[in-house]
Protein backbone atom coordinates (compact mmCIF):
# COMPACT_ATOMS: atom_id res chain seq x y z
CA MET A 1 0.00 0.00 0.00
CA PHE A 2 1.34 3.39 -1.04
CA GLN A 3 0.21 6.96 -0.69
CA ILE A 4 -0.96 7.77 -4.22
CA ALA A 5 -1.11 11.45 -3.30
CA SER A 6 -2.34 13.67 -6.15
CA ILE A 7 -3.64 10.77 -8.22
CA THR A 8 -6.48 11.21 -5.70
CA LYS A 9 -7.47 14.33 -7.63
CA THR A 10 -8.76 12.13 -10.45
CA PHE A 11 -11.03 10.33 -7.97
CA THR A 12 -12.31 13.67 -6.67
CA ALA A 13 -12.91 14.83 -10.24
CA THR A 14 -14.78 11.62 -11.08
CA ALA A 15 -17.01 12.05 -8.01
CA VAL A 16 -17.79 15.59 -9.17
CA LEU A 17 -18.67 14.30 -12.65
CA GLN A 18 -21.07 11.83 -11.05
CA LEU A 19 -23.00 14.80 -9.64
CA VAL A 20 -22.95 16.52 -13.02
CA GLU A 21 -24.39 13.40 -14.62
CA GLN A 22 -27.08 13.27 -11.92
CA GLY A 23 -28.02 16.89 -12.65
CA ARG A 24 -27.10 18.04 -9.15
CA LEU A 25 -24.51 20.53 -10.34
CA ASN A 26 -23.06 21.99 -13.53
CA LEU A 27 -19.42 22.43 -14.40
CA ASP A 28 -20.04 26.12 -15.00
CA ASP A 29 -21.74 26.66 -11.64
CA THR A 30 -19.93 29.18 -9.52
CA ILE A 31 -18.38 27.82 -6.35
CA ARG A 32 -20.65 30.14 -4.38
CA ALA A 33 -23.71 28.45 -5.86
CA HIS A 34 -22.83 25.54 -3.58
CA LEU A 35 -20.58 27.19 -0.96
CA PRO A 36 -22.16 30.64 -0.43
CA GLU A 37 -19.47 31.78 2.02
CA PHE A 38 -16.54 30.83 -0.22
CA THR A 39 -13.90 33.55 -0.32
CA VAL A 40 -10.36 34.07 -1.55
CA ALA A 41 -8.44 37.35 -1.37
CA ASP A 42 -9.76 38.68 -4.70
CA PRO A 43 -13.47 39.51 -4.34
CA ASP A 44 -14.17 39.24 -8.08
CA VAL A 45 -12.60 35.79 -8.26
CA SER A 46 -14.55 34.77 -5.15
CA THR A 47 -17.83 35.44 -6.92
CA SER A 48 -16.89 34.27 -10.43
CA VAL A 49 -14.75 31.14 -10.09
CA THR A 50 -16.47 27.97 -11.28
CA ILE A 51 -16.26 24.25 -10.67
CA ARG A 52 -14.63 23.88 -14.10
CA ASP A 53 -11.94 26.42 -13.17
CA CYS A 54 -11.03 24.30 -10.16
CA LEU A 55 -11.02 21.01 -12.10
CA VAL A 56 -8.61 22.39 -14.74
CA HIS A 57 -6.36 24.30 -12.31
CA SER A 58 -7.18 27.69 -13.86
CA CYS A 59 -8.59 29.36 -10.72
CA GLY A 60 -5.31 31.23 -10.33
CA TRP A 61 -4.98 31.66 -6.56
CA GLU A 62 -2.07 30.23 -4.56
CA GLY A 63 -2.21 26.51 -5.10
CA ASP A 64 0.26 25.04 -2.61
CA PHE A 65 -1.57 25.88 0.60
CA PHE A 66 -1.10 23.38 3.41
CA GLU A 67 -2.27 23.84 6.99
CA ASP A 68 -3.39 21.36 9.61
CA THR A 69 -7.02 21.90 10.62
CA GLY A 70 -7.27 18.80 12.77
CA TRP A 71 -8.73 15.33 12.33
CA SER A 72 -12.42 15.86 13.00
CA ASP A 73 -15.10 15.79 10.32
CA ASP A 74 -15.02 19.60 10.00
CA ALA A 75 -11.33 19.64 8.93
CA LEU A 76 -12.09 20.27 5.26
CA ALA A 77 -14.68 22.98 5.95
CA ALA A 78 -12.15 24.71 8.21
CA MET A 79 -9.49 24.55 5.52
CA VAL A 80 -11.74 26.07 2.85
CA ALA A 81 -12.63 28.87 5.29
CA ARG A 82 -8.92 29.64 5.68
CA MET A 83 -8.55 30.13 1.93
CA ASP A 84 -9.78 33.71 2.30
CA LYS A 85 -6.13 34.82 2.47
CA LEU A 86 -5.04 33.23 -0.82
CA VAL A 87 -4.03 35.85 -3.39
CA GLN A 88 -4.10 35.50 -7.17
CA VAL A 89 -0.93 34.35 -8.86
CA THR A 90 -2.41 34.07 -12.36
CA PRO A 91 -5.60 35.58 -13.83
CA LEU A 92 -8.77 33.55 -13.40
CA GLY A 93 -9.35 31.24 -16.38
CA ARG A 94 -6.44 32.44 -18.53
CA MET A 95 -3.87 29.69 -17.88
CA TRP A 96 -3.42 26.69 -15.66
CA SER A 97 -1.17 26.49 -12.65
CA TYR A 98 -1.26 23.38 -10.51
CA SER A 99 -3.53 23.89 -7.52
CA ASN A 100 -3.91 21.61 -4.53
CA SER A 101 -6.19 24.12 -2.86
CA ALA A 102 -8.68 24.05 -5.75
CA PHE A 103 -9.39 20.42 -4.90
CA TYR A 104 -10.09 21.25 -1.27
CA VAL A 105 -12.99 23.30 -2.63
CA LEU A 106 -14.23 20.47 -4.83
CA GLY A 107 -14.00 18.05 -1.92
CA ARG A 108 -16.00 20.39 0.27
CA ILE A 109 -18.71 20.64 -2.40
CA LEU A 110 -18.92 16.85 -2.40
CA GLU A 111 -19.37 16.90 1.37
CA VAL A 112 -22.14 19.51 1.21
CA LEU A 113 -24.12 17.88 -1.59
CA HIS A 114 -23.82 14.36 -0.15
CA GLY A 115 -24.18 15.38 3.48
CA ARG A 116 -21.25 13.17 4.52
CA SER A 117 -17.51 13.44 5.01
CA TYR A 118 -15.35 13.46 1.90
CA GLU A 119 -13.85 10.09 2.80
CA ASP A 120 -17.28 8.48 3.18
CA VAL A 121 -18.43 10.02 -0.10
CA LEU A 122 -15.48 8.64 -2.02
CA ASP A 123 -15.74 5.20 -0.44
CA GLU A 124 -19.46 4.90 -1.22
CA ALA A 125 -19.34 6.54 -4.66
CA LEU A 126 -16.18 4.98 -6.09
CA LEU A 127 -13.89 2.85 -3.97
CA ALA A 128 -16.42 0.24 -2.85
CA PRO A 129 -18.36 -0.02 -6.14
CA LEU A 130 -15.11 -0.43 -8.08
CA GLY A 131 -13.95 -3.24 -5.82
CA MET A 132 -11.07 -1.24 -4.37
CA ASP A 133 -11.52 -2.91 -0.99
CA GLY A 134 -8.84 -1.82 1.43
CA ALA A 135 -8.01 1.48 -0.27
CA CYS A 136 -8.26 4.04 2.48
CA PHE A 137 -7.23 7.43 3.87
CA PHE A 138 -6.06 7.03 7.45
CA ALA A 139 -3.02 5.45 9.09
CA ARG A 140 -5.29 3.66 11.55
CA ASP A 141 -6.62 1.60 8.64
CA LEU A 142 -3.11 0.49 7.65
CA LEU A 143 -1.47 -0.56 10.90
CA HIS A 144 -2.32 -4.24 10.41
CA ARG A 145 -1.27 -4.29 6.76
CA LYS A 146 1.88 -4.00 4.68
CA PHE A 147 2.46 -0.40 3.66
CA ALA A 148 5.31 1.73 2.37
CA VAL A 149 7.03 4.67 4.00
CA GLY A 150 8.76 7.32 1.93
CA HIS A 151 12.48 7.89 1.73
CA ALA A 152 14.59 10.96 1.00
CA GLU A 153 18.25 11.86 0.65
CA ARG A 154 20.22 13.59 3.39
CA GLY A 155 23.98 14.09 3.22
CA GLY A 156 24.36 11.36 0.63
CA GLN A 157 22.39 8.87 2.74
CA THR A 158 18.90 7.48 2.19
CA VAL A 159 16.70 8.16 5.22
CA ILE A 160 13.04 7.70 6.12
CA ALA A 161 11.00 10.74 5.14
CA ARG A 162 8.85 12.10 7.95
CA PRO A 163 6.03 12.74 8.60
CA TRP A 164 4.09 9.97 6.87
CA ALA A 165 0.61 11.44 7.26
CA MET A 166 -0.62 14.61 5.63
CA PRO A 167 -3.36 16.67 7.33
CA ARG A 168 -6.89 15.31 6.88
CA CYS A 169 -8.01 18.45 5.05
CA VAL A 170 -5.65 17.54 2.20
CA ASN A 171 -7.52 14.30 1.44
CA PRO A 172 -9.49 15.52 -1.63
CA SER A 173 -6.21 16.65 -3.14
CA GLY A 174 -3.97 13.77 -2.18
CA GLY A 175 -5.17 11.46 0.56
CA VAL A 176 -5.90 8.03 -0.94
CA VAL A 177 -3.68 5.09 0.08
CA ALA A 178 -3.84 2.21 -2.39
CA SER A 179 -1.95 -0.60 -4.09
CA ALA A 180 -1.02 -1.15 -7.72
CA ALA A 181 -3.80 -3.75 -7.88
CA HIS A 182 -6.29 -1.13 -6.71
CA LEU A 183 -5.16 1.23 -9.44
CA MET A 184 -5.56 -1.47 -12.06
CA ARG A 185 -9.19 -1.87 -10.98
CA TYR A 186 -9.53 1.88 -11.31
CA ALA A 187 -7.91 1.73 -14.75
CA HIS A 188 -10.38 -0.95 -15.85
CA PHE A 189 -13.22 1.44 -15.01
CA GLN A 190 -11.60 4.44 -16.67
CA LEU A 191 -10.80 2.52 -19.85
CA ASP A 192 -13.80 0.20 -20.19
CA GLY A 193 -16.52 1.82 -18.11
CA ALA A 194 -18.54 0.81 -15.07
CA PRO A 195 -21.99 1.64 -13.70
CA VAL A 196 -20.58 4.35 -11.42
CA LEU A 197 -20.38 6.81 -14.35
CA GLY A 198 -21.82 6.88 -17.85
CA ASP A 199 -19.44 6.46 -20.77
CA ALA A 200 -20.13 9.89 -22.26
CA MET A 201 -19.15 11.66 -19.04
CA ARG A 202 -16.21 9.34 -18.39
CA LEU A 203 -14.74 9.91 -21.83
CA ALA A 204 -15.42 13.65 -21.73
CA ALA A 205 -12.89 13.89 -18.92
CA PHE A 206 -10.18 12.78 -21.39
CA GLU A 207 -10.80 15.74 -23.71
CA PRO A 208 -9.13 19.17 -23.42
CA ALA A 209 -11.15 21.35 -21.07
CA GLY A 210 -8.69 23.95 -19.83
CA PRO A 211 -7.57 27.31 -21.24
CA SER A 212 -7.35 26.80 -24.99
CA SER A 213 -4.09 28.71 -25.46
CA ASP A 214 -2.13 26.76 -22.88
CA THR A 215 -0.06 23.59 -23.25
CA PRO A 216 0.07 20.78 -22.37
CA ALA A 217 -3.65 20.29 -22.50
CA ILE A 218 -5.62 19.45 -19.39
CA GLY A 219 -8.84 17.49 -19.15
CA LEU A 220 -11.34 17.30 -16.30
CA GLY A 221 -8.88 16.26 -13.63
CA TRP A 222 -6.37 14.66 -16.02
CA TRP A 223 -3.19 15.72 -17.84
CA LEU A 224 -3.29 15.05 -21.58
CA ASP A 225 -0.29 14.47 -23.83
CA ASP A 226 -0.63 13.84 -27.57
CA SER A 227 3.06 14.30 -28.41
CA ALA A 228 3.68 10.59 -29.12
CA GLY A 229 0.87 10.45 -31.67
CA GLU A 230 -1.76 8.92 -29.38
CA ARG A 231 -3.26 10.48 -26.28
CA VAL A 232 -1.74 9.67 -22.93
CA VAL A 233 -4.08 10.46 -20.03
CA SER A 234 -2.25 10.64 -16.74
CA HIS A 235 -1.71 12.02 -13.28
CA THR A 236 1.23 11.88 -10.91
CA GLY A 237 1.50 12.09 -7.15
CA GLY A 238 4.16 13.18 -4.70
CA ALA A 239 3.51 12.39 -1.05
CA ASN A 240 6.51 12.79 1.24
CA GLY A 241 9.11 10.46 -0.27
CA GLN A 242 6.56 8.49 -2.29
CA PRO A 243 6.46 9.69 -5.92
CA CYS A 244 3.99 7.81 -8.10
CA SER A 245 2.42 7.84 -11.53
CA PHE A 246 -0.74 6.56 -13.19
CA ALA A 247 -1.00 6.72 -16.98
CA MET A 248 -3.40 5.37 -19.58
CA ILE A 249 -3.48 5.19 -23.36
CA PRO A 250 -7.24 4.83 -23.95
CA SER A 251 -6.88 3.97 -27.64
CA ARG A 252 -4.78 0.93 -26.66
CA ARG A 253 -6.65 -0.02 -23.47
CA PHE A 254 -3.32 0.30 -21.70
CA ALA A 255 -2.59 1.48 -18.17
CA LEU A 256 0.55 1.69 -16.08
CA ALA A 257 0.78 2.39 -12.36
CA VAL A 258 4.18 3.08 -10.82
CA LEU A 259 4.31 3.41 -7.03
CA THR A 260 7.65 4.13 -5.36
CA ASN A 261 9.00 5.00 -1.95
CA GLY A 262 12.13 6.96 -2.85
CA ALA A 263 12.51 10.66 -3.57
CA ASN A 264 13.69 10.08 -7.17
CA GLY A 265 10.91 7.64 -7.98
CA TRP A 266 9.42 10.14 -10.42
CA ILE A 267 12.41 9.56 -12.71
CA THR A 268 11.77 5.82 -12.63
CA ALA A 269 8.09 6.39 -13.41
CA GLN A 270 8.86 8.60 -16.41
CA ARG A 271 11.36 6.11 -17.81
CA LEU A 272 9.06 3.13 -17.31
CA LEU A 273 6.23 4.86 -19.17
CA ALA A 274 8.51 5.81 -22.06
CA TRP A 275 9.89 2.25 -22.19
CA ALA A 276 6.42 0.68 -22.15
CA MET A 277 5.10 2.97 -24.89
CA GLN A 278 8.07 2.21 -27.12
CA THR A 279 8.20 -1.52 -26.36
CA TYR A 280 4.51 -2.34 -26.68
CA PHE A 281 3.26 0.24 -29.19
CA SER A 282 6.32 1.80 -30.91
CA LEU A 283 5.22 5.16 -29.55
CA ALA A 284 7.71 7.81 -28.51
CA ALA A 285 7.43 11.51 -27.82
CA PRO A 286 9.86 13.66 -29.82
CA ASP A 287 13.08 14.46 -28.00
CA LEU A 288 13.28 18.01 -26.79
CA ARG A 289 16.37 19.69 -28.21
CA ALA A 290 18.11 22.91 -27.33
CA GLN A 291 17.31 25.81 -29.64
CA PRO A 292 19.59 28.80 -29.06
CA ARG A 293 17.52 31.94 -28.68
CA ALA A 294 18.49 35.58 -28.54
CA ASP A 295 15.73 36.47 -26.08
CA VAL A 296 16.72 34.21 -23.17
CA ASP A 297 18.13 37.12 -21.16
CA ALA A 298 14.61 38.58 -21.15
CA TRP A 299 13.52 35.56 -19.10
CA LEU A 300 16.00 36.29 -16.32
CA GLY A 301 14.69 37.52 -13.00
CA THR A 302 13.13 36.49 -9.70
CA TYR A 303 9.80 34.66 -9.54
CA GLU A 304 7.99 33.59 -6.38
CA THR A 305 5.21 31.29 -5.22
CA ARG A 306 3.84 30.95 -1.73
CA THR A 307 6.44 28.30 -0.95
CA GLU A 308 9.41 28.91 -3.28
CA ARG A 309 11.66 31.59 -4.80
CA ARG A 310 12.97 30.90 -8.30
CA VAL A 311 15.78 32.92 -9.83
CA LEU A 312 16.73 32.62 -13.49
CA ARG A 313 20.19 34.11 -13.90
CA ARG A 314 23.28 34.12 -16.08
CA GLU A 315 26.38 32.34 -14.83
CA GLY A 316 29.19 33.02 -17.26
CA GLU A 317 28.05 31.71 -20.61
CA ARG A 318 25.30 29.58 -19.07
CA HIS A 319 21.78 30.31 -17.90
CA VAL A 320 20.85 28.66 -14.63
CA LEU A 321 17.94 28.31 -12.20
CA ASP A 322 18.11 28.68 -8.42
CA GLN A 323 15.18 27.30 -6.39
CA THR A 324 14.97 28.23 -2.71
CA PRO A 325 12.18 27.08 -0.38
CA LEU A 326 10.39 29.92 1.40
CA LYS A 327 8.26 27.56 3.46
CA GLN A 328 8.27 23.80 3.92
CA TRP A 329 5.16 22.39 2.30
CA LEU A 330 4.50 20.04 5.22
CA ASP A 331 4.95 20.91 8.89
CA GLY A 332 7.81 19.00 10.48
CA LEU A 333 9.23 17.91 7.13
CA ASP A 334 12.35 15.81 7.82
CA PRO A 335 14.63 15.98 6.01
CA PRO A 336 13.58 19.49 4.94
CA ALA A 337 13.53 20.65 1.34
CA LEU A 338 16.86 22.29 0.51
CA PRO A 339 17.81 24.94 -2.06
CA GLN A 340 18.68 23.68 -5.53
CA LEU A 341 21.16 26.13 -7.00
CA GLY A 342 22.77 26.50 -10.39
CA THR A 343 20.63 24.07 -12.39
CA GLU A 344 21.52 24.57 -16.04
CA ILE A 345 18.74 25.59 -18.42
CA GLN A 346 18.57 25.42 -22.20
CA PRO A 347 15.84 26.96 -24.38
CA THR A 348 13.82 24.56 -26.52
CA GLY A 349 11.47 27.02 -28.18
CA PRO A 350 9.60 30.29 -27.62
CA GLY A 351 9.30 30.62 -23.84
CA ALA A 352 10.15 26.93 -23.30
CA MET A 353 13.20 25.43 -21.61
CA LEU A 354 14.79 22.30 -20.22
CA PHE A 355 16.24 22.14 -16.73
CA ALA A 356 19.24 19.83 -16.23
CA PRO A 357 19.17 18.87 -19.93
CA GLY A 358 20.41 15.39 -20.70
CA LYS A 359 20.48 14.35 -17.05
CA ARG A 360 18.26 11.89 -15.20
CA ALA A 361 16.43 14.75 -13.48
CA GLN A 362 15.66 16.62 -16.72
CA ARG A 363 12.47 18.68 -16.50
CA VAL A 364 10.62 21.22 -18.60
CA GLY A 365 9.70 24.80 -17.81
CA THR A 366 7.93 27.71 -19.43
CA VAL A 367 7.85 31.47 -19.16
CA LEU A 368 4.36 32.88 -19.61
CA ARG A 369 3.28 36.31 -20.80
CA ASN A 370 0.38 38.54 -19.85
CA GLY A 371 -2.06 40.11 -22.29
CA HIS A 372 0.44 42.87 -23.07
CA GLY A 373 3.15 40.42 -24.06
CA GLU A 374 5.18 40.95 -20.89
CA ILE A 375 6.88 37.99 -19.23
CA ARG A 376 5.12 37.63 -15.87
CA TRP A 377 5.38 33.98 -14.81
CA LEU A 378 7.81 31.08 -14.71
CA ARG A 379 6.14 27.69 -14.62
CA VAL A 380 8.18 24.82 -13.15
CA ASN A 381 6.74 21.52 -11.93
CA ARG A 382 3.44 22.75 -13.41
CA ARG A 383 3.31 25.63 -10.90
CA ALA A 384 3.42 29.24 -12.06
CA ALA A 385 5.51 31.69 -10.03
CA LEU A 386 4.92 35.43 -10.35
CA ARG A 387 7.75 37.70 -11.45
CA LYS A 388 8.86 40.14 -8.79
C-alpha cells in the first residue's frame, strides 16, 4: 500500500462528474452556488470562479496551501474557510497552474451535496463499487497491513521521510492510500466503463477542457499528452518520499501504475512509461532539443510562489535556475527541502526550456506572458511563479 497522493485528484474529479451526470450541479456553476461563504483574497474571483476552473487548475490563486485543521469531520470545511487569504498568482481562467487548494474546494462541495464526510463520499461513490476494498485514507486503517514509508536523501544517505501522514483536510487533493492492484481496478473502469459513471461523461474527462491557449492540454482532472501520436491520459502524485504515476493510453486499453518509496521515484516512473510505450506500441514523444535563442536574457529575473523563490540568472556563458524554499510544504518535514542552486537551463522554443538537460532529473519549464506580451510567470513543476 502506497500513498498515491495527487492521483487522488482524479477520484475527486470523477465524483464531481457523477454529480454533473445526476443533474445536481453543472461544471459552470460558480463555487458560491454551492458554498455561499466561499472567499479568496480577490473579491471578483470569489464570486466568479467555477467548478470547471477548479477542475482544470485555472482558478489562479495560490495553489500550494497546506495547513493542519485537525482530524475531526469539519477539517475540510475549516481549511476552505482559511482560503480567504489566498491571493491570485495568475488571472482567473487564462492559464493553468497546478492547484492543490482548488481540490479542497471540490472536496468540500462533495461533502455539502452528499451530506457526509469526503472520505465516506469517495468510499461509497467509487472505492467500494469499483472493488477497491482496502483502499483508504487514514493510518489507523493500515497498521495491520503491509504499507510503504517514503524515503529521502540527506547528506548522501537514504533516510526515512517524515512525517508519513498529511493533514486530513488535504484528502481531496492527495489522501488516498492504495496498491497497484487497486489502481488497475480503477484503470479498468476508466478505460472500459462501469456503472458508477456513464461512458459519455467518463470519456469527456479525457478531452481538453482547460484554457485553450495553454499547453500541455488538461482534461477534467487529467493531464493530456498527444506528443507521441496517441493520447496519454495521466496524473502523478508526490507524497513525502513516495512519488507515483498513473497513466493510460485509452486507444490501446493500456494502463501503467508506478508506485515508489524513494525521492527520485518520479524519474523511474517517467522512464518506465517511455519504455512501455516504445516496447509495446512503438510510440515515442519527440526528443526536446536545445534551440539557441536571442531572447533568453529577457527571461531572467526572480519569480515567487507561496512556498518557493525561483531565480533565473546568467552564470558566465550559461543560464541557470536557483530554487529556494520559502516555506516547507508540510509541517515538520524531515529531512527538509533544501535549495537547488545553479541548475543549467537550455531553451527549446519560444518561452520553453529544459532544466538539467540530458540528465536523469531533466524537467521542462515555461515562461508565460500577460495580455500585453510581458513575461510575468515562470512555470516549473506545473506551478506558475509570479515575477517580482
